[in-house]
Amino acid sequence: MGEPPHRAWPPEEPPRRARDPRRARPYGAPVDRAASPAPPAAPASPAPPGPPEPDALRPGQVWPPRRSGWSPGRPGGAGPAGADGQEEDLPPSARRYGMPATPSGPRIPHRLRRFLPGLLALAACAVITAGVVAAVLRALPSPAPARVTDRVAGVGYPLPDGWRAGTAPPVTGFTSAAGDGRTATVLVRPGGRVTDARKAAVTLADLYGRLLLHGDEVRVEDDRAVTVGGRAGHSRTLRAEYRDVVNRPASLRVVFLAASGGRPPVVVLAVAKPDDARTRAAIDAVLAGIR
């Protein structure tokens, strides 16, 4: 077997290139003018042409001339020009296909397209049905307002919005009651056989005023003859005021309707506590609708 080649140590240094005597000049030494001159510099590239005069442009020619690089609006270019006039590097796909197109909106699945006409037809039918129902409801007469029928007293009276009939009258002797549950109450009962409706109304107003009002000052606010539902009668209204800051003014009204056409007399008691114009208007509507 052959022996491996021997390596010399330390390794031999490669031969050095001779230095240029001009570069080996010590600092501050005089320059040798007889040395060979430096090679001439390469000629500078000509400056780019400036913009021509507007009259010198041919028809359809623009300045500066368009580059053939890539642009967002035109696919197929190599890329936009950079600040130094060179085109920026782009991946091969961008140079070949250009800027990707904006994705379109959501598309309806193919399976849903088969049911789309049926769904549109059902929606149209629903709209038509709703219109027919609304027209029928407008054509129907409005329902009659709620009423309370007092068979014992032989009368009936309407209920304003928000009112309801009471189950048990709060005052003994009355056979029906209604109110809004807050400020207004109307009570009805049969009346006794009397010959003077005014005298009966005055007596009953004084009695129920002491029972229900308990005012520090009670005065007569109205006293007059009335006709309700073709029946003559008399109405008397009391107003109570209080010295404390808790109770507000209240009113009490008694209407006595005389017997007429075989119908017995009727006593109507209305209390507004506290008293205000809205509550009085609701009570007047109930009294005017007694039949």
C-alpha atoms as a PDB file:
ATOM      1  CA  MET A   1       0.000   0.000   0.000  1.00  0.00           C
ATOM      2  CA  GLY A   2       1.155   3.508  -0.797  1.00  0.00           C
ATOM      3  CA  GLU A   3       1.990   5.888   1.979  1.00  0.00           C
ATOM      4  CA  PRO A   4      -0.242   9.005   2.442  1.00  0.00           C
ATOM      5  CA  PRO A   5       1.268  12.247   1.190  1.00  0.00           C
ATOM      6  CA  HIS A   6       3.304  14.133   3.776  1.00  0.00           C
ATOM      7  CA  ARG A   7       2.228  17.652   4.758  1.00  0.00           C
ATOM      8  CA  ALA A   8       4.838  20.247   5.489  1.00  0.00           C
ATOM      9  CA  TRP A   9       4.538  22.273   8.657  1.00  0.00           C
ATOM     10  CA  PRO A  10       4.237  25.110   8.867  1.00  0.00           C
ATOM     11  CA  PRO A  11       2.493  25.356   5.520  1.00  0.00           C
ATOM     12  CA  GLU A  12       4.241  27.319   2.821  1.00  0.00           C
ATOM     13  CA  GLU A  13       2.849  30.796   2.107  1.00  0.00           C
ATOM     14  CA  PRO A  14       1.635  31.505  -1.434  1.00  0.00           C
ATOM     15  CA  PRO A  15       3.728  33.915  -3.455  1.00  0.00           C
ATOM     16  CA  ARG A  16       2.745  37.544  -2.964  1.00  0.00           C
ATOM     17  CA  ARG A  17       1.871  39.929  -5.799  1.00  0.00           C
ATOM     18  CA  ALA A  18       4.227  42.769  -6.311  1.00  0.00           C
ATOM     19  CA  ARG A  19       2.901  46.053  -5.055  1.00  0.00           C
ATOM     20  CA  ASP A  20       2.391  49.050  -7.244  1.00  0.00           C
ATOM     21  CA  PRO A  21       5.081  51.518  -6.351  1.00  0.00           C
ATOM     22  CA  ARG A  22       2.609  54.364  -6.563  1.00  0.00           C
ATOM     23  CA  ARG A  23       0.426  52.821  -3.849  1.00  0.00           C
ATOM     24  CA  ALA A  24       3.378  51.931  -1.673  1.00  0.00           C
ATOM     25  CA  ARG A  25       4.340  55.628  -1.380  1.00  0.00           C
ATOM     26  CA  PRO A  26       4.768  56.595   2.278  1.00  0.00           C
ATOM     27  CA  TYR A  27       2.580  59.322   3.678  1.00  0.00           C
ATOM     28  CA  GLY A  28       4.038  62.713   2.872  1.00  0.00           C
ATOM     29  CA  ALA A  29       6.521  61.489   0.226  1.00  0.00           C
ATOM     30  CA  PRO A  30       6.663  63.469  -3.038  1.00  0.00           C
ATOM     31  CA  VAL A  31       4.616  62.234  -5.910  1.00  0.00           C
ATOM     32  CA  ASP A  32       6.487  60.696  -8.799  1.00  0.00           C
ATOM     33  CA  ARG A  33       5.139  62.535 -11.841  1.00  0.00           C
ATOM     34  CA  ALA A  34       6.973  60.199 -14.173  1.00  0.00           C
ATOM     35  CA  ALA A  35       4.787  57.270 -13.120  1.00  0.00           C
ATOM     36  CA  SER A  36       2.237  56.017 -15.592  1.00  0.00           C
ATOM     37  CA  PRO A  37      -0.993  58.082 -15.532  1.00  0.00           C
ATOM     38  CA  ALA A  38      -4.286  56.673 -14.238  1.00  0.00           C
ATOM     39  CA  PRO A  39      -6.595  55.177 -16.815  1.00  0.00           C
ATOM     40  CA  PRO A  40      -9.112  57.646 -18.274  1.00  0.00           C
ATOM     41  CA  ALA A  41     -12.593  57.695 -16.698  1.00  0.00           C
ATOM     42  CA  ALA A  42     -15.515  56.225 -18.576  1.00  0.00           C
ATOM     43  CA  PRO A  43     -17.600  58.771 -20.435  1.00  0.00           C
ATOM     44  CA  ALA A  44     -20.730  59.870 -18.570  1.00  0.00           C
ATOM     45  CA  SER A  45     -24.043  58.692 -19.903  1.00  0.00           C
ATOM     46  CA  PRO A  46     -26.002  61.359 -21.710  1.00  0.00           C
ATOM     47  CA  ALA A  47     -28.705  63.117 -19.701  1.00  0.00           C
ATOM     48  CA  PRO A  48     -32.285  62.051 -20.420  1.00  0.00           C
ATOM     49  CA  PRO A  49     -34.074  64.296 -22.859  1.00  0.00           C
ATOM     50  CA  GLY A  50     -36.222  66.994 -21.363  1.00  0.00           C
ATOM     51  CA  PRO A  51     -39.941  67.459 -22.046  1.00  0.00           C
ATOM     52  CA  PRO A  52     -40.621  68.671 -25.580  1.00  0.00           C
ATOM     53  CA  GLU A  53     -42.643  71.696 -26.424  1.00  0.00           C
ATOM     54  CA  PRO A  54     -46.443  71.122 -26.500  1.00  0.00           C
ATOM     55  CA  ASP A  55     -46.523  72.039 -30.207  1.00  0.00           C
ATOM     56  CA  ALA A  56     -43.872  69.408 -31.009  1.00  0.00           C
ATOM     57  CA  LEU A  57     -45.969  66.465 -29.721  1.00  0.00           C
ATOM     58  CA  ARG A  58     -47.580  64.295 -32.355  1.00  0.00           C
ATOM     59  CA  PRO A  59     -51.318  63.572 -32.227  1.00  0.00           C
ATOM     60  CA  GLY A  60     -51.927  60.927 -29.539  1.00  0.00           C
ATOM     61  CA  GLN A  61     -48.441  61.341 -28.048  1.00  0.00           C
ATOM     62  CA  VAL A  62     -48.238  61.997 -24.300  1.00  0.00           C
ATOM     63  CA  TRP A  63     -45.369  63.120 -22.077  1.00  0.00           C
ATOM     64  CA  PRO A  64     -43.820  61.496 -20.154  1.00  0.00           C
ATOM     65  CA  PRO A  65     -44.191  58.324 -22.264  1.00  0.00           C
ATOM     66  CA  ARG A  66     -46.054  55.484 -20.616  1.00  0.00           C
ATOM     67  CA  ARG A  67     -43.976  52.606 -19.377  1.00  0.00           C
ATOM     68  CA  SER A  68     -44.783  49.041 -20.239  1.00  0.00           C
ATOM     69  CA  GLY A  69     -44.645  47.994 -16.598  1.00  0.00           C
ATOM     70  CA  TRP A  70     -47.386  46.634 -14.412  1.00  0.00           C
ATOM     71  CA  SER A  71     -50.260  48.826 -13.285  1.00  0.00           C
ATOM     72  CA  PRO A  72     -53.203  48.084 -10.980  1.00  0.00           C
ATOM     73  CA  GLY A  73     -55.713  48.671 -13.756  1.00  0.00           C
ATOM     74  CA  ARG A  74     -53.949  46.636 -16.477  1.00  0.00           C
ATOM     75  CA  PRO A  75     -52.811  43.076 -15.807  1.00  0.00           C
ATOM     76  CA  GLY A  76     -49.817  41.494 -17.495  1.00  0.00           C
ATOM     77  CA  GLY A  77     -47.061  44.026 -16.673  1.00  0.00           C
ATOM     78  CA  ALA A  78     -43.849  43.394 -14.819  1.00  0.00           C
ATOM     79  CA  GLY A  79     -44.435  45.793 -11.930  1.00  0.00           C
ATOM     80  CA  PRO A  80     -44.675  49.496 -11.062  1.00  0.00           C
ATOM     81  CA  ALA A  81     -41.633  51.722 -11.522  1.00  0.00           C
ATOM     82  CA  GLY A  82     -39.699  52.566  -8.394  1.00  0.00           C
ATOM     83  CA  ALA A  83     -38.155  55.847  -7.325  1.00  0.00           C
ATOM     84  CA  ASP A  84     -34.951  55.160  -9.297  1.00  0.00           C
ATOM     85  CA  GLY A  85     -36.818  54.376 -12.509  1.00  0.00           C
ATOM     86  CA  GLN A  86     -36.383  50.609 -12.148  1.00  0.00           C
ATOM     87  CA  GLU A  87     -39.349  48.247 -11.924  1.00  0.00           C
ATOM     88  CA  GLU A  88     -39.930  46.624  -8.588  1.00  0.00           C
ATOM     89  CA  ASP A  89     -39.482  42.900  -8.280  1.00  0.00           C
ATOM     90  CA  LEU A  90     -42.729  40.937  -8.359  1.00  0.00           C
ATOM     91  CA  PRO A  91     -43.399  37.201  -8.146  1.00  0.00           C
ATOM     92  CA  PRO A  92     -43.811  35.398 -11.464  1.00  0.00           C
ATOM     93  CA  SER A  93     -47.557  34.978 -10.937  1.00  0.00           C
ATOM     94  CA  ALA A  94     -48.018  38.758 -10.601  1.00  0.00           C
ATOM     95  CA  ARG A  95     -45.944  39.423 -13.734  1.00  0.00           C
ATOM     96  CA  ARG A  96     -47.927  36.823 -15.653  1.00  0.00           C
ATOM     97  CA  TYR A  97     -51.497  37.371 -14.459  1.00  0.00           C
ATOM     98  CA  GLY A  98     -51.375  40.879 -13.039  1.00  0.00           C
ATOM     99  CA  MET A  99     -53.395  42.190 -10.050  1.00  0.00           C
ATOM    100  CA  PRO A 100     -55.927  39.700  -8.643  1.00  0.00           C
ATOM    101  CA  ALA A 101     -59.545  40.586  -9.300  1.00  0.00           C
ATOM    102  CA  THR A 102     -61.817  41.723  -6.459  1.00  0.00           C
ATOM    103  CA  PRO A 103     -63.908  38.766  -5.239  1.00  0.00           C
ATOM    104  CA  SER A 104     -67.572  38.985  -6.084  1.00  0.00           C
ATOM    105  CA  GLY A 105     -70.404  38.981  -3.505  1.00  0.00           C
ATOM    106  CA  PRO A 106     -71.916  35.878  -1.916  1.00  0.00           C
ATOM    107  CA  ARG A 107     -73.522  33.533  -4.360  1.00  0.00           C
ATOM    108  CA  ILE A 108     -76.687  31.544  -3.788  1.00  0.00           C
ATOM    109  CA  PRO A 109     -75.990  27.827  -3.432  1.00  0.00           C
ATOM    110  CA  HIS A 110     -77.183  25.672  -6.287  1.00  0.00           C
ATOM    111  CA  ARG A 111     -79.500  23.650  -4.041  1.00  0.00           C
ATOM    112  CA  LEU A 112     -81.190  26.766  -2.763  1.00  0.00           C
ATOM    113  CA  ARG A 113     -81.826  28.055  -6.279  1.00  0.00           C
ATOM    114  CA  ARG A 114     -84.348  25.295  -6.888  1.00  0.00           C
ATOM    115  CA  PHE A 115     -86.450  26.425  -3.913  1.00  0.00           C
ATOM    116  CA  LEU A 116     -86.091  30.162  -4.570  1.00  0.00           C
ATOM    117  CA  PRO A 117     -89.147  30.513  -6.868  1.00  0.00           C
ATOM    118  CA  GLY A 118     -91.331  28.684  -4.357  1.00  0.00           C
ATOM    119  CA  LEU A 119     -90.128  30.865  -1.516  1.00  0.00           C
ATOM    120  CA  LEU A 120     -90.815  34.016  -3.511  1.00  0.00           C
ATOM    121  CA  ALA A 121     -94.315  32.768  -4.303  1.00  0.00           C
ATOM    122  CA  LEU A 122     -95.013  32.052  -0.632  1.00  0.00           C
ATOM    123  CA  ALA A 123     -93.790  35.519   0.359  1.00  0.00           C
ATOM    124  CA  ALA A 124     -96.036  37.137  -2.241  1.00  0.00           C
ATOM    125  CA  CYS A 125     -99.031  35.136  -0.984  1.00  0.00           C
ATOM    126  CA  ALA A 126     -98.302  36.189   2.593  1.00  0.00           C
ATOM    127  CA  VAL A 127     -98.187  39.859   1.614  1.00  0.00           C
ATOM    128  CA  ILE A 128    -101.457  39.595  -0.307  1.00  0.00           C
ATOM    129  CA  THR A 129    -103.157  37.776   2.579  1.00  0.00           C
ATOM    130  CA  ALA A 130    -102.022  40.398   5.076  1.00  0.00           C
ATOM    131  CA  GLY A 131    -103.395  43.150   2.862  1.00  0.00           C
ATOM    132  CA  VAL A 132    -106.760  41.403   2.496  1.00  0.00           C
ATOM    133  CA  VAL A 133    -107.027  40.865   6.266  1.00  0.00           C
ATOM    134  CA  ALA A 134    -106.197  44.510   6.980  1.00  0.00           C
ATOM    135  CA  ALA A 135    -108.822  45.664   4.465  1.00  0.00           C
ATOM    136  CA  VAL A 136    -111.469  43.398   6.002  1.00  0.00           C
ATOM    137  CA  LEU A 137    -110.689  44.608   9.515  1.00  0.00           C
ATOM    138  CA  ARG A 138    -111.018  48.224   8.395  1.00  0.00           C
ATOM    139  CA  ALA A 139    -114.322  47.471   6.719  1.00  0.00           C
ATOM    140  CA  LEU A 140    -115.818  45.810   9.804  1.00  0.00           C
ATOM    141  CA  PRO A 141    -117.762  48.095  12.149  1.00  0.00           C
ATOM    142  CA  SER A 142    -115.984  49.064  15.341  1.00  0.00           C
ATOM    143  CA  PRO A 143    -117.130  47.100  18.389  1.00  0.00           C
ATOM    144  CA  ALA A 144    -119.609  48.741  20.699  1.00  0.00           C
ATOM    145  CA  PRO A 145    -118.178  50.192  23.906  1.00  0.00           C
ATOM    146  CA  ALA A 146    -118.406  48.083  27.019  1.00  0.00           C
ATOM    147  CA  ARG A 147    -121.458  48.636  29.190  1.00  0.00           C
ATOM    148  CA  VAL A 148    -122.648  47.719  32.646  1.00  0.00           C
ATOM    149  CA  THR A 149    -126.186  46.399  32.905  1.00  0.00           C
ATOM    150  CA  ASP A 150    -127.846  46.780  36.304  1.00  0.00           C
ATOM    151  CA  ARG A 151    -130.924  44.565  36.175  1.00  0.00           C
ATOM    152  CA  VAL A 152    -132.004  45.497  39.693  1.00  0.00           C
ATOM    153  CA  ALA A 153    -132.004  49.237  38.974  1.00  0.00           C
ATOM    154  CA  GLY A 154    -133.276  48.643  35.433  1.00  0.00           C
ATOM    155  CA  VAL A 155    -130.570  50.733  33.703  1.00  0.00           C
ATOM    156  CA  GLY A 156    -127.289  50.348  31.879  1.00  0.00           C
ATOM    157  CA  TYR A 157    -124.362  52.710  31.408  1.00  0.00           C
ATOM    158  CA  PRO A 158    -121.168  52.745  29.294  1.00  0.00           C
ATOM    159  CA  LEU A 159    -117.596  52.262  30.477  1.00  0.00           C
ATOM    160  CA  PRO A 160    -114.968  54.743  29.257  1.00  0.00           C
ATOM    161  CA  ASP A 161    -111.533  53.545  28.198  1.00  0.00           C
ATOM    162  CA  GLY A 162    -109.635  52.159  31.155  1.00  0.00           C
ATOM    163  CA  TRP A 163    -112.753  51.630  33.258  1.00  0.00           C
ATOM    164  CA  ARG A 164    -114.029  48.278  34.479  1.00  0.00           C
ATOM    165  CA  ALA A 165    -117.124  47.032  36.273  1.00  0.00           C
ATOM    166  CA  GLY A 166    -116.852  46.429  39.994  1.00  0.00           C
ATOM    167  CA  THR A 167    -117.796  43.099  41.546  1.00  0.00           C
ATOM    168  CA  ALA A 168    -119.049  44.450  44.890  1.00  0.00           C
ATOM    169  CA  PRO A 169    -120.158  48.073  45.406  1.00  0.00           C
ATOM    170  CA  PRO A 170    -118.225  49.710  48.293  1.00  0.00           C
ATOM    171  CA  VAL A 171    -121.355  51.402  49.678  1.00  0.00           C
ATOM    172  CA  THR A 172    -124.278  49.443  51.059  1.00  0.00           C
ATOM    173  CA  GLY A 173    -127.508  49.594  49.077  1.00  0.00           C
ATOM    174  CA  PHE A 174    -125.969  50.091  45.626  1.00  0.00           C
ATOM    175  CA  THR A 175    -126.396  47.288  43.104  1.00  0.00           C
ATOM    176  CA  SER A 176    -123.631  48.043  40.568  1.00  0.00           C
ATOM    177  CA  ALA A 177    -120.353  49.937  40.431  1.00  0.00           C
ATOM    178  CA  ALA A 178    -117.679  50.919  37.915  1.00  0.00           C
ATOM    179  CA  GLY A 179    -114.520  52.994  37.880  1.00  0.00           C
ATOM    180  CA  ASP A 180    -110.920  53.342  36.754  1.00  0.00           C
ATOM    181  CA  GLY A 181    -109.559  51.880  39.990  1.00  0.00           C
ATOM    182  CA  ARG A 182    -107.725  55.076  40.934  1.00  0.00           C
ATOM    183  CA  THR A 183    -109.679  58.328  41.033  1.00  0.00           C
ATOM    184  CA  ALA A 184    -113.225  57.808  39.711  1.00  0.00           C
ATOM    185  CA  THR A 185    -116.095  55.659  40.972  1.00  0.00           C
ATOM    186  CA  VAL A 186    -119.735  55.500  39.853  1.00  0.00           C
ATOM    187  CA  LEU A 187    -122.409  53.689  41.912  1.00  0.00           C
ATOM    188  CA  VAL A 188    -126.031  52.949  40.881  1.00  0.00           C
ATOM    189  CA  ARG A 189    -129.032  51.736  42.880  1.00  0.00           C
ATOM    190  CA  PRO A 190    -132.818  51.861  42.674  1.00  0.00           C
ATOM    191  CA  GLY A 191    -134.452  54.975  44.195  1.00  0.00           C
ATOM    192  CA  GLY A 192    -137.505  55.326  46.401  1.00  0.00           C
ATOM    193  CA  ARG A 193    -140.836  56.702  45.367  1.00  0.00           C
ATOM    194  CA  VAL A 194    -140.604  60.475  45.808  1.00  0.00           C
ATOM    195  CA  THR A 195    -142.509  63.434  44.448  1.00  0.00           C
ATOM    196  CA  ASP A 196    -139.670  65.999  44.494  1.00  0.00           C
ATOM    197  CA  ALA A 197    -136.504  64.923  42.660  1.00  0.00           C
ATOM    198  CA  ARG A 198    -134.550  68.007  43.784  1.00  0.00           C
ATOM    199  CA  LYS A 199    -135.289  67.444  47.460  1.00  0.00           C
ATOM    200  CA  ALA A 200    -134.227  63.815  47.156  1.00  0.00           C
ATOM    201  CA  ALA A 201    -130.948  64.809  45.413  1.00  0.00           C
ATOM    202  CA  VAL A 202    -130.128  67.401  48.080  1.00  0.00           C
ATOM    203  CA  THR A 203    -130.753  64.951  50.928  1.00  0.00           C
ATOM    204  CA  LEU A 204    -128.689  62.190  49.360  1.00  0.00           C
ATOM    205  CA  ALA A 205    -125.806  64.551  48.497  1.00  0.00           C
ATOM    206  CA  ASP A 206    -125.554  65.740  52.115  1.00  0.00           C
ATOM    207  CA  LEU A 207    -125.676  62.147  53.401  1.00  0.00           C
ATOM    208  CA  TYR A 208    -123.000  60.734  51.069  1.00  0.00           C
ATOM    209  CA  GLY A 209    -120.863  63.874  51.397  1.00  0.00           C
ATOM    210  CA  ARG A 210    -120.505  63.361  55.161  1.00  0.00           C
ATOM    211  CA  LEU A 211    -119.896  59.624  54.582  1.00  0.00           C
ATOM    212  CA  LEU A 212    -117.294  59.776  51.799  1.00  0.00           C
ATOM    213  CA  LEU A 213    -115.677  63.224  51.604  1.00  0.00           C
ATOM    214  CA  HIS A 214    -114.702  64.175  55.187  1.00  0.00           C
ATOM    215  CA  GLY A 215    -113.569  67.576  53.947  1.00  0.00           C
ATOM    216  CA  ASP A 216    -112.461  70.514  56.074  1.00  0.00           C
ATOM    217  CA  GLU A 217    -114.587  72.724  53.844  1.00  0.00           C
ATOM    218  CA  VAL A 218    -117.481  71.376  51.734  1.00  0.00           C
ATOM    219  CA  ARG A 219    -119.468  73.633  49.447  1.00  0.00           C
ATOM    220  CA  VAL A 220    -122.134  73.206  46.782  1.00  0.00           C
ATOM    221  CA  GLU A 221    -120.611  73.610  43.357  1.00  0.00           C
ATOM    222  CA  ASP A 222    -123.594  72.765  41.110  1.00  0.00           C
ATOM    223  CA  ASP A 223    -127.319  72.256  41.600  1.00  0.00           C
ATOM    224  CA  ARG A 224    -129.604  71.929  38.570  1.00  0.00           C
ATOM    225  CA  ALA A 225    -132.317  69.911  36.870  1.00  0.00           C
ATOM    226  CA  VAL A 226    -131.209  67.367  34.249  1.00  0.00           C
ATOM    227  CA  THR A 227    -132.703  65.008  31.686  1.00  0.00           C
ATOM    228  CA  VAL A 228    -130.891  61.701  31.136  1.00  0.00           C
ATOM    229  CA  GLY A 229    -132.084  59.094  28.650  1.00  0.00           C
ATOM    230  CA  GLY A 230    -135.467  60.788  28.330  1.00  0.00           C
ATOM    231  CA  ARG A 231    -135.970  60.816  32.097  1.00  0.00           C
ATOM    232  CA  ALA A 232    -136.238  63.994  34.195  1.00  0.00           C
ATOM    233  CA  GLY A 233    -134.176  64.327  37.310  1.00  0.00           C
ATOM    234  CA  HIS A 234    -131.964  66.543  39.420  1.00  0.00           C
ATOM    235  CA  SER A 235    -128.187  66.776  39.894  1.00  0.00           C
ATOM    236  CA  ARG A 236    -126.265  68.184  42.866  1.00  0.00           C
ATOM    237  CA  THR A 237    -122.438  68.430  43.069  1.00  0.00           C
ATOM    238  CA  LEU A 238    -120.351  69.030  46.206  1.00  0.00           C
ATOM    239  CA  ARG A 239    -116.665  69.974  46.350  1.00  0.00           C
ATOM    240  CA  ALA A 240    -114.509  69.229  49.393  1.00  0.00           C
ATOM    241  CA  GLU A 241    -111.182  70.894  50.190  1.00  0.00           C
ATOM    242  CA  TYR A 242    -108.594  69.907  52.804  1.00  0.00           C
ATOM    243  CA  ARG A 243    -106.143  71.946  54.874  1.00  0.00           C
ATOM    244  CA  ASP A 244    -103.432  69.296  54.933  1.00  0.00           C
ATOM    245  CA  VAL A 245    -100.916  68.789  52.134  1.00  0.00           C
ATOM    246  CA  VAL A 246    -101.773  65.133  51.546  1.00  0.00           C
ATOM    247  CA  ASN A 247    -105.380  65.213  50.394  1.00  0.00           C
ATOM    248  CA  ARG A 248    -106.249  67.037  47.224  1.00  0.00           C
ATOM    249  CA  PRO A 249    -109.722  68.506  46.511  1.00  0.00           C
ATOM    250  CA  ALA A 250    -112.472  65.953  45.790  1.00  0.00           C
ATOM    251  CA  SER A 251    -115.966  66.140  44.355  1.00  0.00           C
ATOM    252  CA  LEU A 252    -119.178  64.176  44.833  1.00  0.00           C
ATOM    253  CA  ARG A 253    -122.172  64.222  42.487  1.00  0.00           C
ATOM    254  CA  VAL A 254    -125.628  62.780  43.058  1.00  0.00           C
ATOM    255  CA  VAL A 255    -128.170  62.384  40.229  1.00  0.00           C
ATOM    256  CA  PHE A 256    -131.716  61.377  41.088  1.00  0.00           C
ATOM    257  CA  LEU A 257    -133.816  60.204  38.093  1.00  0.00           C
ATOM    258  CA  ALA A 258    -137.560  60.116  38.631  1.00  0.00           C
ATOM    259  CA  ALA A 259    -139.723  57.164  37.613  1.00  0.00           C
ATOM    260  CA  SER A 260    -140.876  57.243  33.997  1.00  0.00           C
ATOM    261  CA  GLY A 261    -142.807  54.878  31.730  1.00  0.00           C
ATOM    262  CA  GLY A 262    -142.975  52.082  34.289  1.00  0.00           C
ATOM    263  CA  ARG A 263    -139.285  52.346  35.115  1.00  0.00           C
ATOM    264  CA  PRO A 264    -138.430  52.852  38.786  1.00  0.00           C
ATOM    265  CA  PRO A 265    -136.451  55.848  40.076  1.00  0.00           C
ATOM    266  CA  VAL A 266    -132.655  55.566  39.953  1.00  0.00           C
ATOM    267  CA  VAL A 267    -129.947  57.042  42.165  1.00  0.00           C
ATOM    268  CA  VAL A 268    -126.482  57.607  40.649  1.00  0.00           C
ATOM    269  CA  LEU A 269    -123.523  58.521  42.868  1.00  0.00           C
ATOM    270  CA  ALA A 270    -120.213  59.624  41.306  1.00  0.00           C
ATOM    271  CA  VAL A 271    -117.047  60.391  43.315  1.00  0.00           C
ATOM    272  CA  ALA A 272    -113.844  61.942  41.933  1.00  0.00           C
ATOM    273  CA  LYS A 273    -110.950  61.895  44.386  1.00  0.00           C
ATOM    274  CA  PRO A 274    -108.819  63.812  43.568  1.00  0.00           C
ATOM    275  CA  ASP A 275    -110.939  66.044  41.384  1.00  0.00           C
ATOM    276  CA  ASP A 276    -109.659  67.116  37.959  1.00  0.00           C
ATOM    277  CA  ALA A 277    -111.083  67.970  34.542  1.00  0.00           C
ATOM    278  CA  ARG A 278    -110.219  64.593  32.980  1.00  0.00           C
ATOM    279  CA  THR A 279    -111.940  62.609  35.715  1.00  0.00           C
ATOM    280  CA  ARG A 280    -115.035  64.814  35.539  1.00  0.00           C
ATOM    281  CA  ALA A 281    -115.233  64.372  31.764  1.00  0.00           C
ATOM    282  CA  ALA A 282    -115.215  60.573  32.163  1.00  0.00           C
ATOM    283  CA  ILE A 283    -117.958  60.750  34.820  1.00  0.00           C
ATOM    284  CA  ASP A 284    -120.092  63.035  32.627  1.00  0.00           C
ATOM    285  CA  ALA A 285    -119.788  60.489  29.760  1.00  0.00           C
ATOM    286  CA  VAL A 286    -121.040  57.697  32.028  1.00  0.00           C
ATOM    287  CA  LEU A 287    -123.992  59.743  33.324  1.00  0.00           C
ATOM    288  CA  ALA A 288    -124.955  60.871  29.805  1.00  0.00           C
ATOM    289  CA  GLY A 289    -125.025  57.236  28.606  1.00  0.00           C
ATOM    290  CA  ILE A 290    -127.456  55.916  31.245  1.00  0.00           C
ATOM    291  CA  ARG A 291    -130.408  54.218  29.584  1.00  0.00           C
END
